[in-house]
Amino acid sequence: MPDIQGVLGALQQRTAEWASRTVTAGWNAFIPFVPSLAATAVLLVLIAVAGIVVRMRRDRMFHGATLSSIDAMDGTQFEEFLAVLFVHLGYCIQHVGMSHDFGADLVLTSPRKRIVVQAKRYSGNVGISAVQEVLGAVQYYRGTRGMVVVSSGFTESARELAARSGVELWDRQRLAAAMARIMARGRDVERKPAYNKREE
């Protein structure tokens, strides 16, 4: 009659050896990937931190903005400011402004709208050419409508063409009103209690 204890002991020893060899082989196969996995993790962390820094910088630029600070912006800064403003208004933003932008600086999207925006950071009134540019851009970017946002005002010819073609114009006053509305909304959220206590 075979020694059951001996058979079980040998089986247990072989199982332990097999498990040890398997773990060692798995670890040896994994070790070469450790540097690349660590580098990938570091890269992902850096990308996340960079995204947070950019978002904080843009939000700080937006929340500290006044009409006077907008007047000191260059064209690119004005476009970035408007991108943050429209995010606060609930739009998804595509920043397309560049030398070959086909008449658009931003494309705002929501479930039912695709608004093509031409941004002009001018000191004087913006003329008819800005409205003409955005009309072409609406076709190119397949927008539902166009919008021209300026830091100043518009000429009468620009207003007339916009009215006839359905282009929305945002002048200095409209821009200030949108900024004030977003700021007020932020203050309301800060003042709002975490919960409403039900009266007994």
N, C-alpha and C. Protein backbone atom coordinates (compact mmCIF):
# COMPACT_ATOMS: atom_id res chain seq x y z
N MET A 1 0.86 -1.19 0.00
CA MET A 1 0.00 0.00 0.00
C MET A 1 0.90 1.24 0.00
N PRO A 2 0.66 2.14 -0.97
CA PRO A 2 1.54 3.31 -1.07
C PRO A 2 1.37 4.22 0.14
N ASP A 3 2.46 4.94 0.43
CA ASP A 3 2.47 5.87 1.56
C ASP A 3 1.74 7.15 1.14
N ILE A 4 0.49 7.32 1.62
CA ILE A 4 -0.35 8.47 1.23
C ILE A 4 0.31 9.77 1.64
N GLN A 5 0.86 9.77 2.85
CA GLN A 5 1.49 11.00 3.35
C GLN A 5 2.67 11.39 2.46
N GLY A 6 3.45 10.38 2.03
CA GLY A 6 4.60 10.65 1.17
C GLY A 6 4.17 11.19 -0.19
N VAL A 7 3.12 10.59 -0.75
CA VAL A 7 2.62 11.04 -2.06
C VAL A 7 2.11 12.47 -1.97
N LEU A 8 1.34 12.73 -0.91
CA LEU A 8 0.80 14.09 -0.73
C LEU A 8 1.92 15.10 -0.51
N GLY A 9 2.94 14.72 0.24
CA GLY A 9 4.07 15.61 0.49
C GLY A 9 4.81 15.93 -0.79
N ALA A 10 5.05 14.86 -1.61
CA ALA A 10 5.76 15.08 -2.88
C ALA A 10 4.93 15.96 -3.82
N LEU A 11 3.62 15.72 -3.84
CA LEU A 11 2.73 16.52 -4.69
C LEU A 11 2.73 17.97 -4.25
N GLN A 12 2.71 18.16 -2.94
CA GLN A 12 2.72 19.52 -2.40
C GLN A 12 4.03 20.23 -2.74
N GLN A 13 5.15 19.46 -2.65
CA GLN A 13 6.44 20.06 -2.96
C GLN A 13 6.53 20.43 -4.43
N ARG A 14 6.06 19.54 -5.32
CA ARG A 14 6.09 19.83 -6.75
C ARG A 14 5.19 21.02 -7.10
N THR A 15 4.04 21.10 -6.43
CA THR A 15 3.13 22.23 -6.66
C THR A 15 3.78 23.54 -6.24
N ALA A 16 4.45 23.52 -5.10
CA ALA A 16 5.13 24.72 -4.60
C ALA A 16 6.25 25.14 -5.55
N GLU A 17 7.02 24.12 -6.05
CA GLU A 17 8.10 24.43 -7.00
C GLU A 17 7.53 25.02 -8.30
N TRP A 18 6.44 24.40 -8.78
CA TRP A 18 5.81 24.90 -10.02
C TRP A 18 5.32 26.35 -9.84
N ALA A 19 4.67 26.61 -8.68
CA ALA A 19 4.16 27.96 -8.41
C ALA A 19 5.31 28.96 -8.33
N SER A 20 6.42 28.52 -7.68
CA SER A 20 7.58 29.40 -7.55
C SER A 20 8.17 29.71 -8.92
N ARG A 21 8.31 28.67 -9.78
CA ARG A 21 8.85 28.89 -11.13
C ARG A 21 7.94 29.80 -11.95
N THR A 22 6.63 29.61 -11.81
CA THR A 22 5.67 30.42 -12.57
C THR A 22 5.74 31.89 -12.16
N VAL A 23 5.78 32.14 -10.85
CA VAL A 23 5.87 33.51 -10.35
C VAL A 23 7.17 34.15 -10.80
N THR A 24 8.28 33.39 -10.69
CA THR A 24 9.59 33.92 -11.11
C THR A 24 9.60 34.25 -12.60
N ALA A 25 9.05 33.34 -13.41
CA ALA A 25 9.00 33.58 -14.86
C ALA A 25 8.12 34.77 -15.19
N GLY A 26 6.99 34.88 -14.50
CA GLY A 26 6.10 36.02 -14.73
C GLY A 26 6.75 37.33 -14.35
N TRP A 27 7.44 37.32 -13.21
CA TRP A 27 8.12 38.54 -12.75
C TRP A 27 9.25 38.92 -13.71
N ASN A 28 10.01 37.94 -14.16
CA ASN A 28 11.09 38.20 -15.11
C ASN A 28 10.55 38.73 -16.44
N ALA A 29 9.38 38.25 -16.84
CA ALA A 29 8.78 38.75 -18.08
C ALA A 29 8.23 40.17 -17.88
N PHE A 30 7.81 40.51 -16.66
CA PHE A 30 7.22 41.82 -16.38
C PHE A 30 8.27 42.91 -16.20
N ILE A 31 9.45 42.55 -15.65
CA ILE A 31 10.48 43.54 -15.32
C ILE A 31 10.86 44.43 -16.50
N PRO A 32 11.04 43.91 -17.72
CA PRO A 32 11.41 44.81 -18.83
C PRO A 32 10.38 45.90 -19.11
N PHE A 33 9.12 45.68 -18.74
CA PHE A 33 8.08 46.67 -19.01
C PHE A 33 7.97 47.74 -17.91
N VAL A 34 8.63 47.54 -16.79
CA VAL A 34 8.51 48.47 -15.67
C VAL A 34 8.93 49.89 -16.05
N PRO A 35 10.10 50.09 -16.71
CA PRO A 35 10.47 51.47 -17.06
C PRO A 35 9.46 52.16 -17.98
N SER A 36 8.96 51.43 -18.98
CA SER A 36 7.99 52.06 -19.89
C SER A 36 6.66 52.33 -19.20
N LEU A 37 6.23 51.45 -18.30
CA LEU A 37 5.00 51.69 -17.55
C LEU A 37 5.16 52.88 -16.62
N ALA A 38 6.34 52.98 -15.98
CA ALA A 38 6.59 54.12 -15.10
C ALA A 38 6.63 55.42 -15.89
N ALA A 39 7.27 55.39 -17.07
CA ALA A 39 7.33 56.58 -17.92
C ALA A 39 5.94 56.99 -18.39
N THR A 40 5.11 56.01 -18.73
CA THR A 40 3.73 56.30 -19.16
C THR A 40 2.94 56.93 -18.02
N ALA A 41 3.10 56.37 -16.82
CA ALA A 41 2.39 56.92 -15.66
C ALA A 41 2.80 58.35 -15.40
N VAL A 42 4.12 58.62 -15.46
CA VAL A 42 4.61 59.98 -15.25
C VAL A 42 4.08 60.92 -16.31
N LEU A 43 4.07 60.47 -17.57
CA LEU A 43 3.56 61.29 -18.67
C LEU A 43 2.08 61.63 -18.46
N LEU A 44 1.28 60.63 -18.05
CA LEU A 44 -0.14 60.88 -17.81
C LEU A 44 -0.35 61.88 -16.67
N VAL A 45 0.46 61.76 -15.63
CA VAL A 45 0.37 62.71 -14.52
C VAL A 45 0.73 64.12 -14.98
N LEU A 46 1.81 64.23 -15.78
CA LEU A 46 2.22 65.55 -16.29
C LEU A 46 1.15 66.16 -17.19
N ILE A 47 0.52 65.34 -18.04
CA ILE A 47 -0.55 65.84 -18.91
C ILE A 47 -1.72 66.33 -18.07
N ALA A 48 -2.08 65.56 -17.04
CA ALA A 48 -3.19 65.96 -16.16
C ALA A 48 -2.87 67.27 -15.44
N VAL A 49 -1.64 67.37 -14.92
CA VAL A 49 -1.23 68.60 -14.21
C VAL A 49 -1.22 69.78 -15.16
N ALA A 50 -0.69 69.58 -16.38
CA ALA A 50 -0.66 70.67 -17.37
C ALA A 50 -2.08 71.13 -17.70
N GLY A 51 -3.00 70.17 -17.86
CA GLY A 51 -4.39 70.52 -18.14
C GLY A 51 -5.01 71.34 -17.01
N ILE A 52 -4.72 70.94 -15.78
CA ILE A 52 -5.25 71.67 -14.62
C ILE A 52 -4.67 73.08 -14.56
N VAL A 53 -3.37 73.19 -14.82
CA VAL A 53 -2.71 74.50 -14.79
C VAL A 53 -3.29 75.42 -15.85
N VAL A 54 -3.47 74.89 -17.07
CA VAL A 54 -4.04 75.70 -18.16
C VAL A 54 -5.45 76.14 -17.81
N ARG A 55 -6.25 75.21 -17.28
CA ARG A 55 -7.63 75.54 -16.91
C ARG A 55 -7.68 76.58 -15.81
N MET A 56 -6.79 76.44 -14.80
CA MET A 56 -6.76 77.42 -13.71
C MET A 56 -6.33 78.79 -14.22
N ARG A 57 -5.33 78.80 -15.13
CA ARG A 57 -4.85 80.08 -15.67
C ARG A 57 -5.96 80.77 -16.46
N ARG A 58 -6.68 79.97 -17.26
CA ARG A 58 -7.76 80.56 -18.07
C ARG A 58 -8.90 81.04 -17.18
N ASP A 59 -9.24 80.23 -16.18
CA ASP A 59 -10.32 80.65 -15.28
C ASP A 59 -9.93 81.89 -14.49
N ARG A 60 -8.65 81.95 -14.05
CA ARG A 60 -8.19 83.12 -13.33
C ARG A 60 -8.24 84.35 -14.24
N MET A 61 -7.84 84.17 -15.51
CA MET A 61 -7.90 85.27 -16.47
C MET A 61 -9.35 85.72 -16.67
N PHE A 62 -10.27 84.75 -16.70
CA PHE A 62 -11.68 85.10 -16.92
C PHE A 62 -12.27 85.79 -15.71
N HIS A 63 -12.08 85.20 -14.51
CA HIS A 63 -12.73 85.74 -13.32
C HIS A 63 -12.16 87.09 -12.89
N GLY A 64 -10.94 87.39 -13.32
CA GLY A 64 -10.39 88.68 -12.99
C GLY A 64 -10.58 89.71 -14.10
N ALA A 65 -11.30 89.33 -15.14
CA ALA A 65 -11.40 90.18 -16.33
C ALA A 65 -12.38 91.33 -16.12
N THR A 66 -12.00 92.45 -16.68
CA THR A 66 -12.87 93.62 -16.77
C THR A 66 -12.78 94.11 -18.21
N LEU A 67 -13.62 95.07 -18.56
CA LEU A 67 -13.53 95.63 -19.90
C LEU A 67 -12.16 96.28 -20.13
N SER A 68 -11.60 96.87 -19.08
CA SER A 68 -10.27 97.48 -19.20
C SER A 68 -9.20 96.44 -19.47
N SER A 69 -9.28 95.28 -18.77
CA SER A 69 -8.28 94.23 -19.01
C SER A 69 -8.45 93.62 -20.39
N ILE A 70 -9.69 93.55 -20.88
CA ILE A 70 -9.92 93.07 -22.23
C ILE A 70 -9.28 94.01 -23.25
N ASP A 71 -9.35 95.30 -22.98
CA ASP A 71 -8.73 96.28 -23.89
C ASP A 71 -7.22 96.10 -23.97
N ALA A 72 -6.61 95.52 -22.94
CA ALA A 72 -5.16 95.31 -22.94
C ALA A 72 -4.76 93.98 -23.56
N MET A 73 -5.74 93.13 -23.90
CA MET A 73 -5.44 91.82 -24.50
C MET A 73 -5.06 91.97 -25.96
N ASP A 74 -4.27 91.00 -26.45
CA ASP A 74 -4.07 90.92 -27.89
C ASP A 74 -5.15 90.00 -28.46
N GLY A 75 -5.11 89.79 -29.78
CA GLY A 75 -6.17 88.99 -30.42
C GLY A 75 -6.25 87.57 -29.91
N THR A 76 -5.10 86.93 -29.71
CA THR A 76 -5.10 85.55 -29.24
C THR A 76 -5.63 85.44 -27.82
N GLN A 77 -5.23 86.36 -26.96
CA GLN A 77 -5.73 86.36 -25.58
C GLN A 77 -7.24 86.59 -25.55
N PHE A 78 -7.73 87.45 -26.44
CA PHE A 78 -9.17 87.71 -26.50
C PHE A 78 -9.92 86.45 -26.93
N GLU A 79 -9.38 85.72 -27.89
CA GLU A 79 -10.01 84.46 -28.30
C GLU A 79 -10.04 83.47 -27.15
N GLU A 80 -8.92 83.36 -26.40
CA GLU A 80 -8.88 82.44 -25.26
C GLU A 80 -9.88 82.86 -24.19
N PHE A 81 -9.99 84.15 -23.96
CA PHE A 81 -10.96 84.66 -22.99
C PHE A 81 -12.38 84.28 -23.41
N LEU A 82 -12.69 84.48 -24.70
CA LEU A 82 -14.03 84.14 -25.19
C LEU A 82 -14.30 82.65 -25.09
N ALA A 83 -13.26 81.83 -25.33
CA ALA A 83 -13.44 80.38 -25.21
C ALA A 83 -13.89 80.02 -23.80
N VAL A 84 -13.24 80.61 -22.78
CA VAL A 84 -13.61 80.33 -21.38
C VAL A 84 -15.02 80.86 -21.10
N LEU A 85 -15.32 82.05 -21.60
CA LEU A 85 -16.64 82.64 -21.39
C LEU A 85 -17.74 81.72 -21.93
N PHE A 86 -17.55 81.22 -23.15
CA PHE A 86 -18.58 80.38 -23.76
C PHE A 86 -18.66 79.00 -23.11
N VAL A 87 -17.55 78.52 -22.54
CA VAL A 87 -17.62 77.28 -21.75
C VAL A 87 -18.53 77.51 -20.55
N HIS A 88 -18.37 78.67 -19.89
CA HIS A 88 -19.25 79.00 -18.75
C HIS A 88 -20.70 79.14 -19.18
N LEU A 89 -20.93 79.46 -20.43
CA LEU A 89 -22.30 79.57 -20.93
C LEU A 89 -22.85 78.24 -21.43
N GLY A 90 -22.06 77.17 -21.28
CA GLY A 90 -22.57 75.83 -21.55
C GLY A 90 -22.22 75.25 -22.90
N TYR A 91 -21.32 75.86 -23.64
CA TYR A 91 -20.95 75.35 -24.96
C TYR A 91 -19.68 74.52 -24.89
N CYS A 92 -19.56 73.57 -25.81
CA CYS A 92 -18.29 72.92 -26.08
C CYS A 92 -17.57 73.77 -27.11
N ILE A 93 -16.26 73.90 -26.97
CA ILE A 93 -15.50 74.86 -27.78
C ILE A 93 -14.49 74.15 -28.66
N GLN A 94 -14.46 74.57 -29.91
CA GLN A 94 -13.38 74.19 -30.81
C GLN A 94 -12.67 75.48 -31.19
N HIS A 95 -11.38 75.58 -30.84
CA HIS A 95 -10.61 76.79 -31.13
C HIS A 95 -9.95 76.61 -32.50
N VAL A 96 -10.41 77.32 -33.50
CA VAL A 96 -9.90 77.14 -34.86
C VAL A 96 -9.11 78.34 -35.35
N GLY A 97 -8.99 79.38 -34.53
CA GLY A 97 -8.32 80.61 -34.96
C GLY A 97 -6.87 80.38 -35.32
N MET A 98 -6.51 80.74 -36.53
CA MET A 98 -5.13 80.66 -37.03
C MET A 98 -5.09 81.44 -38.33
N SER A 99 -3.95 81.41 -39.02
CA SER A 99 -3.83 82.21 -40.24
C SER A 99 -4.79 81.75 -41.33
N HIS A 100 -5.07 80.45 -41.40
CA HIS A 100 -6.00 79.92 -42.40
C HIS A 100 -7.24 79.38 -41.70
N ASP A 101 -7.95 80.26 -41.01
CA ASP A 101 -9.10 79.82 -40.22
C ASP A 101 -10.41 79.92 -40.98
N PHE A 102 -10.37 80.36 -42.24
CA PHE A 102 -11.56 80.48 -43.08
C PHE A 102 -12.63 81.35 -42.45
N GLY A 103 -12.20 82.38 -41.73
CA GLY A 103 -13.13 83.37 -41.19
C GLY A 103 -13.70 83.06 -39.83
N ALA A 104 -13.18 82.04 -39.15
CA ALA A 104 -13.70 81.68 -37.82
C ALA A 104 -12.56 81.63 -36.81
N ASP A 105 -12.88 81.95 -35.57
CA ASP A 105 -11.93 81.81 -34.47
C ASP A 105 -12.35 80.71 -33.51
N LEU A 106 -13.65 80.59 -33.28
CA LEU A 106 -14.20 79.57 -32.39
C LEU A 106 -15.40 78.93 -33.06
N VAL A 107 -15.63 77.66 -32.74
CA VAL A 107 -16.88 76.99 -33.11
C VAL A 107 -17.50 76.50 -31.82
N LEU A 108 -18.70 76.99 -31.53
CA LEU A 108 -19.42 76.62 -30.30
C LEU A 108 -20.43 75.54 -30.64
N THR A 109 -20.44 74.49 -29.88
CA THR A 109 -21.41 73.43 -30.14
C THR A 109 -22.22 73.12 -28.88
N SER A 110 -23.48 72.83 -29.11
CA SER A 110 -24.40 72.36 -28.08
C SER A 110 -25.25 71.31 -28.79
N PRO A 111 -26.14 70.62 -28.07
CA PRO A 111 -26.92 69.57 -28.73
C PRO A 111 -27.67 70.03 -29.97
N ARG A 112 -28.10 71.30 -30.02
CA ARG A 112 -28.90 71.75 -31.16
C ARG A 112 -28.26 72.84 -31.99
N LYS A 113 -27.09 73.33 -31.57
CA LYS A 113 -26.49 74.48 -32.26
C LYS A 113 -25.04 74.21 -32.61
N ARG A 114 -24.62 74.87 -33.67
CA ARG A 114 -23.20 74.90 -34.04
C ARG A 114 -22.93 76.32 -34.52
N ILE A 115 -22.42 77.13 -33.60
CA ILE A 115 -22.27 78.57 -33.86
C ILE A 115 -20.81 78.87 -34.20
N VAL A 116 -20.64 79.52 -35.34
CA VAL A 116 -19.30 79.89 -35.79
C VAL A 116 -19.04 81.33 -35.38
N VAL A 117 -17.92 81.55 -34.66
CA VAL A 117 -17.64 82.85 -34.05
C VAL A 117 -16.40 83.49 -34.67
N GLN A 118 -16.55 84.75 -35.03
CA GLN A 118 -15.42 85.59 -35.43
C GLN A 118 -15.19 86.57 -34.28
N ALA A 119 -13.96 86.61 -33.75
CA ALA A 119 -13.63 87.49 -32.61
C ALA A 119 -12.74 88.62 -33.10
N LYS A 120 -13.07 89.85 -32.69
CA LYS A 120 -12.28 91.03 -33.08
C LYS A 120 -11.98 91.86 -31.84
N ARG A 121 -10.71 91.93 -31.48
CA ARG A 121 -10.30 92.77 -30.35
C ARG A 121 -9.78 94.09 -30.91
N TYR A 122 -10.74 94.98 -31.26
CA TYR A 122 -10.40 96.27 -31.87
C TYR A 122 -10.78 97.40 -30.92
N SER A 123 -10.15 98.54 -31.13
CA SER A 123 -10.52 99.73 -30.35
C SER A 123 -11.62 100.52 -31.05
N GLY A 124 -11.65 100.44 -32.37
CA GLY A 124 -12.68 101.16 -33.14
C GLY A 124 -13.81 100.24 -33.54
N ASN A 125 -14.82 100.80 -34.19
CA ASN A 125 -15.97 100.01 -34.63
C ASN A 125 -15.55 99.02 -35.72
N VAL A 126 -16.13 97.82 -35.65
CA VAL A 126 -15.82 96.76 -36.60
C VAL A 126 -16.80 96.85 -37.76
N GLY A 127 -16.26 96.73 -38.96
CA GLY A 127 -17.06 96.94 -40.16
C GLY A 127 -17.67 95.69 -40.75
N ILE A 128 -18.17 95.87 -41.95
CA ILE A 128 -18.96 94.84 -42.65
C ILE A 128 -18.14 93.60 -42.98
N SER A 129 -16.82 93.76 -43.13
CA SER A 129 -15.99 92.61 -43.54
C SER A 129 -16.04 91.48 -42.52
N ALA A 130 -16.15 91.80 -41.24
CA ALA A 130 -16.21 90.75 -40.21
C ALA A 130 -17.48 89.92 -40.37
N VAL A 131 -18.57 90.57 -40.71
CA VAL A 131 -19.84 89.84 -40.92
C VAL A 131 -19.72 88.98 -42.18
N GLN A 132 -19.12 89.51 -43.22
CA GLN A 132 -18.92 88.74 -44.45
C GLN A 132 -18.04 87.52 -44.20
N GLU A 133 -16.98 87.71 -43.42
CA GLU A 133 -16.09 86.59 -43.11
C GLU A 133 -16.81 85.48 -42.37
N VAL A 134 -17.62 85.85 -41.38
CA VAL A 134 -18.29 84.81 -40.60
C VAL A 134 -19.38 84.12 -41.42
N LEU A 135 -19.98 84.83 -42.37
CA LEU A 135 -20.96 84.18 -43.25
C LEU A 135 -20.30 83.08 -44.07
N GLY A 136 -19.10 83.35 -44.58
CA GLY A 136 -18.36 82.32 -45.30
C GLY A 136 -17.95 81.18 -44.39
N ALA A 137 -17.57 81.51 -43.16
CA ALA A 137 -17.13 80.49 -42.21
C ALA A 137 -18.28 79.58 -41.79
N VAL A 138 -19.48 80.12 -41.71
CA VAL A 138 -20.64 79.30 -41.37
C VAL A 138 -20.81 78.19 -42.40
N GLN A 139 -20.64 78.54 -43.67
CA GLN A 139 -20.74 77.53 -44.73
C GLN A 139 -19.61 76.50 -44.61
N TYR A 140 -18.39 76.99 -44.39
CA TYR A 140 -17.22 76.10 -44.36
C TYR A 140 -17.29 75.13 -43.18
N TYR A 141 -17.67 75.64 -42.00
CA TYR A 141 -17.71 74.80 -40.80
C TYR A 141 -19.09 74.17 -40.56
N ARG A 142 -19.98 74.34 -41.52
CA ARG A 142 -21.33 73.76 -41.45
C ARG A 142 -22.05 74.16 -40.16
N GLY A 143 -22.01 75.45 -39.90
CA GLY A 143 -22.65 75.97 -38.70
C GLY A 143 -24.14 76.20 -38.89
N THR A 144 -24.85 76.33 -37.77
CA THR A 144 -26.27 76.68 -37.84
C THR A 144 -26.44 78.20 -37.94
N ARG A 145 -25.48 78.94 -37.41
CA ARG A 145 -25.49 80.39 -37.56
C ARG A 145 -24.13 80.96 -37.21
N GLY A 146 -23.98 82.26 -37.47
CA GLY A 146 -22.71 82.93 -37.20
C GLY A 146 -22.84 83.98 -36.12
N MET A 147 -21.70 84.33 -35.54
CA MET A 147 -21.66 85.33 -34.48
C MET A 147 -20.35 86.11 -34.60
N VAL A 148 -20.42 87.41 -34.41
CA VAL A 148 -19.22 88.24 -34.35
C VAL A 148 -19.19 88.87 -32.97
N VAL A 149 -18.09 88.64 -32.24
CA VAL A 149 -17.94 89.19 -30.90
C VAL A 149 -16.77 90.17 -30.93
N VAL A 150 -17.02 91.39 -30.49
CA VAL A 150 -15.99 92.43 -30.52
C VAL A 150 -15.85 93.07 -29.15
N SER A 151 -14.72 93.73 -28.96
CA SER A 151 -14.48 94.43 -27.70
C SER A 151 -14.89 95.90 -27.81
N SER A 152 -15.43 96.27 -28.96
CA SER A 152 -15.82 97.68 -29.18
C SER A 152 -17.26 97.74 -29.67
N GLY A 153 -17.47 98.21 -30.90
CA GLY A 153 -18.81 98.31 -31.45
C GLY A 153 -18.80 97.95 -32.93
N PHE A 154 -19.92 98.21 -33.60
CA PHE A 154 -20.07 97.88 -35.02
C PHE A 154 -20.48 99.11 -35.81
N THR A 155 -20.11 99.12 -37.07
CA THR A 155 -20.59 100.16 -37.97
C THR A 155 -22.04 99.87 -38.34
N GLU A 156 -22.73 100.89 -38.86
CA GLU A 156 -24.12 100.69 -39.27
C GLU A 156 -24.24 99.67 -40.39
N SER A 157 -23.28 99.67 -41.34
CA SER A 157 -23.33 98.70 -42.44
C SER A 157 -23.18 97.27 -41.93
N ALA A 158 -22.32 97.08 -40.91
CA ALA A 158 -22.16 95.75 -40.32
C ALA A 158 -23.46 95.31 -39.65
N ARG A 159 -24.10 96.22 -38.93
CA ARG A 159 -25.36 95.88 -38.27
C ARG A 159 -26.45 95.55 -39.28
N GLU A 160 -26.47 96.28 -40.37
CA GLU A 160 -27.51 96.05 -41.39
C GLU A 160 -27.33 94.68 -42.04
N LEU A 161 -26.08 94.35 -42.44
CA LEU A 161 -25.85 93.05 -43.06
C LEU A 161 -26.13 91.92 -42.08
N ALA A 162 -25.74 92.09 -40.82
CA ALA A 162 -25.98 91.05 -39.81
C ALA A 162 -27.47 90.82 -39.62
N ALA A 163 -28.24 91.90 -39.58
CA ALA A 163 -29.69 91.77 -39.40
C ALA A 163 -30.32 91.02 -40.57
N ARG A 164 -29.84 91.29 -41.79
CA ARG A 164 -30.42 90.65 -42.97
C ARG A 164 -29.98 89.20 -43.13
N SER A 165 -28.81 88.87 -42.61
CA SER A 165 -28.26 87.53 -42.83
C SER A 165 -28.35 86.62 -41.60
N GLY A 166 -28.89 87.12 -40.51
CA GLY A 166 -29.07 86.30 -39.31
C GLY A 166 -27.81 86.09 -38.49
N VAL A 167 -26.81 86.96 -38.66
CA VAL A 167 -25.58 86.87 -37.86
C VAL A 167 -25.81 87.62 -36.55
N GLU A 168 -25.44 86.99 -35.46
CA GLU A 168 -25.60 87.60 -34.13
C GLU A 168 -24.37 88.47 -33.82
N LEU A 169 -24.62 89.69 -33.38
CA LEU A 169 -23.54 90.61 -33.05
C LEU A 169 -23.45 90.82 -31.55
N TRP A 170 -22.25 90.65 -31.02
CA TRP A 170 -21.98 90.95 -29.61
C TRP A 170 -21.02 92.12 -29.57
N ASP A 171 -21.51 93.26 -29.12
CA ASP A 171 -20.64 94.42 -28.95
C ASP A 171 -20.15 94.49 -27.51
N ARG A 172 -19.53 95.60 -27.17
CA ARG A 172 -18.94 95.77 -25.83
C ARG A 172 -19.97 95.61 -24.72
N GLN A 173 -21.16 96.19 -24.93
CA GLN A 173 -22.20 96.11 -23.90
C GLN A 173 -22.72 94.68 -23.74
N ARG A 174 -22.91 93.98 -24.85
CA ARG A 174 -23.40 92.60 -24.79
C ARG A 174 -22.36 91.71 -24.10
N LEU A 175 -21.11 91.94 -24.40
CA LEU A 175 -20.02 91.18 -23.78
C LEU A 175 -19.99 91.43 -22.27
N ALA A 176 -20.11 92.69 -21.86
CA ALA A 176 -20.11 93.03 -20.44
C ALA A 176 -21.30 92.39 -19.72
N ALA A 177 -22.46 92.37 -20.39
CA ALA A 177 -23.66 91.77 -19.78
C ALA A 177 -23.47 90.27 -19.57
N ALA A 178 -22.85 89.58 -20.54
CA ALA A 178 -22.61 88.14 -20.41
C ALA A 178 -21.64 87.86 -19.27
N MET A 179 -20.58 88.69 -19.17
CA MET A 179 -19.62 88.53 -18.09
C MET A 179 -20.29 88.73 -16.73
N ALA A 180 -21.12 89.76 -16.63
CA ALA A 180 -21.80 90.05 -15.36
C ALA A 180 -22.75 88.91 -14.98
N ARG A 181 -23.44 88.34 -15.98
CA ARG A 181 -24.38 87.25 -15.71
C ARG A 181 -23.64 86.02 -15.17
N ILE A 182 -22.48 85.71 -15.76
CA ILE A 182 -21.71 84.55 -15.30
C ILE A 182 -21.15 84.80 -13.91
N MET A 183 -20.66 86.02 -13.66
CA MET A 183 -20.14 86.35 -12.32
C MET A 183 -21.23 86.25 -11.27
N ALA A 184 -22.42 86.75 -11.60
CA ALA A 184 -23.54 86.68 -10.66
C ALA A 184 -23.93 85.24 -10.39
N ARG A 185 -23.92 84.41 -11.42
CA ARG A 185 -24.24 83.00 -11.25
C ARG A 185 -23.24 82.33 -10.32
N GLY A 186 -21.95 82.68 -10.46
CA GLY A 186 -20.92 82.13 -9.59
C GLY A 186 -21.12 82.55 -8.15
N ARG A 187 -21.51 83.82 -7.93
CA ARG A 187 -21.76 84.28 -6.56
C ARG A 187 -22.97 83.59 -5.97
N ASP A 188 -24.01 83.34 -6.79
CA ASP A 188 -25.20 82.64 -6.29
C ASP A 188 -24.86 81.23 -5.85
N VAL A 189 -23.97 80.55 -6.63
CA VAL A 189 -23.58 79.18 -6.27
C VAL A 189 -22.81 79.19 -4.95
N GLU A 190 -21.94 80.20 -4.74
CA GLU A 190 -21.17 80.28 -3.50
C GLU A 190 -22.07 80.52 -2.30
N ARG A 191 -23.14 81.32 -2.50
CA ARG A 191 -24.04 81.63 -1.38
C ARG A 191 -25.04 80.53 -1.11
N LYS A 192 -25.28 79.66 -2.09
CA LYS A 192 -26.31 78.64 -1.97
C LYS A 192 -25.91 77.62 -0.89
N PRO A 193 -26.82 77.28 0.05
CA PRO A 193 -26.47 76.30 1.09
C PRO A 193 -26.29 74.91 0.49
N ALA A 194 -25.51 74.08 1.19
CA ALA A 194 -25.23 72.74 0.70
C ALA A 194 -26.50 71.90 0.63
N TYR A 195 -27.46 72.16 1.52
CA TYR A 195 -28.73 71.46 1.47
C TYR A 195 -29.79 72.37 2.05
N ASN A 196 -31.01 72.10 1.69
CA ASN A 196 -32.13 72.85 2.23
C ASN A 196 -32.74 72.06 3.39
N LYS A 197 -32.69 72.62 4.57
CA LYS A 197 -33.23 71.94 5.74
C LYS A 197 -34.76 72.07 5.71
N ARG A 198 -35.42 70.92 5.74
CA ARG A 198 -36.87 70.91 5.71
C ARG A 198 -37.41 71.30 7.05
N GLU A 199 -38.34 72.22 7.00
CA GLU A 199 -38.95 72.65 8.27
C GLU A 199 -39.91 71.59 8.77
N GLU A 200 -39.86 71.39 10.05
CA GLU A 200 -40.76 70.39 10.66
C GLU A 200 -42.15 70.98 10.82
